[in-house]
Amino acid sequence: MIRRKITTLYRCKSAGPRNNGLLKNCDFQFAFEDGTTPHCPQCGELLVMKESERSVSRLLQEGFAKEKRNK
């Protein structure tokens, strides 16, 4: 049986110059395993979870809510 590791996409939200001005802008993102609270390896800022754009379940939830409002 193949087991998949559950991963979550994290993104750095820091703005402006970092690392004593050596890093002009930090746009780091990576999919880490669940259960960790990672920090950015480039600037040290705490990474935040990036939500996926629009999954099938999210589209269904939005459609259901829209239908419920229209009744």
Protein backbone atom coordinates (compact mmCIF):
# COMPACT_ATOMS: atom_id res chain seq x y z
CA MET A 1 0.00 0.00 0.00
CA ILE A 2 1.34 3.40 -1.00
CA ARG A 3 1.02 6.13 1.59
CA ARG A 4 1.05 9.74 0.55
CA LYS A 5 2.34 12.42 2.82
CA ILE A 6 -0.13 15.24 3.30
CA THR A 7 1.44 18.53 2.33
CA THR A 8 0.31 22.12 2.56
CA LEU A 9 1.53 25.01 0.44
CA TYR A 10 3.11 27.79 2.51
CA ARG A 11 4.15 31.23 1.28
CA CYS A 12 6.31 34.00 2.72
CA LYS A 13 4.37 37.22 3.33
CA SER A 14 7.30 39.51 4.17
CA ALA A 15 7.39 42.87 2.43
CA GLY A 16 10.30 45.12 1.66
CA PRO A 17 14.03 44.45 1.92
CA ARG A 18 15.16 41.63 4.19
CA ASN A 19 18.41 40.10 5.40
CA ASN A 20 20.24 43.44 5.84
CA GLY A 21 19.12 44.63 2.43
CA LEU A 22 20.64 41.67 0.56
CA LEU A 23 17.19 40.29 -0.29
CA LYS A 24 15.10 42.92 -2.09
CA ASN A 25 11.85 40.91 -2.13
CA CYS A 26 11.02 37.48 -0.73
CA ASP A 27 8.53 35.39 -2.74
CA PHE A 28 9.43 31.98 -1.30
CA GLN A 29 6.78 29.25 -1.35
CA PHE A 30 7.03 25.52 -0.74
CA ALA A 31 4.78 22.55 0.10
CA PHE A 32 5.75 21.34 3.59
CA GLU A 33 4.39 18.29 5.41
CA ASP A 34 1.44 18.91 7.71
CA GLY A 35 2.13 19.41 11.38
CA THR A 36 4.96 21.91 10.97
CA THR A 37 5.08 25.67 11.39
CA PRO A 38 7.88 26.52 8.99
CA HIS A 39 9.92 29.68 8.72
CA CYS A 40 11.22 31.10 5.45
CA PRO A 41 14.73 29.80 4.73
CA GLN A 42 15.61 33.02 2.89
CA CYS A 43 14.49 35.72 5.33
CA GLY A 44 13.39 33.91 8.52
CA GLU A 45 9.80 35.21 8.48
CA LEU A 46 7.03 32.88 9.63
CA LEU A 47 5.33 31.34 6.58
CA VAL A 48 1.56 31.44 6.17
CA MET A 49 -0.64 28.84 4.57
CA LYS A 50 -1.61 29.65 1.00
CA GLU A 51 -5.12 28.66 0.12
CA SER A 52 -5.67 26.87 -3.13
CA GLU A 53 -7.39 28.89 -5.80
CA ARG A 54 -10.81 27.28 -6.19
CA SER A 55 -11.14 23.55 -5.64
CA VAL A 56 -14.14 21.49 -6.71
CA SER A 57 -15.49 21.34 -3.15
CA ARG A 58 -15.16 25.12 -2.79
CA LEU A 59 -17.02 25.66 -6.08
CA LEU A 60 -19.80 23.34 -4.91
CA GLN A 61 -20.04 25.15 -1.56
CA GLU A 62 -20.25 28.53 -3.28
CA GLY A 63 -22.92 27.26 -5.69
CA PHE A 64 -24.95 25.80 -2.83
CA ALA A 65 -24.74 29.05 -0.86
CA LYS A 66 -25.76 31.04 -3.94
CA GLU A 67 -28.78 28.79 -4.55
CA LYS A 68 -29.75 29.01 -0.90
CA ARG A 69 -29.65 32.84 -1.02
CA ASN A 70 -31.79 32.96 -4.19
CA LYS A 71 -34.68 30.97 -2.67
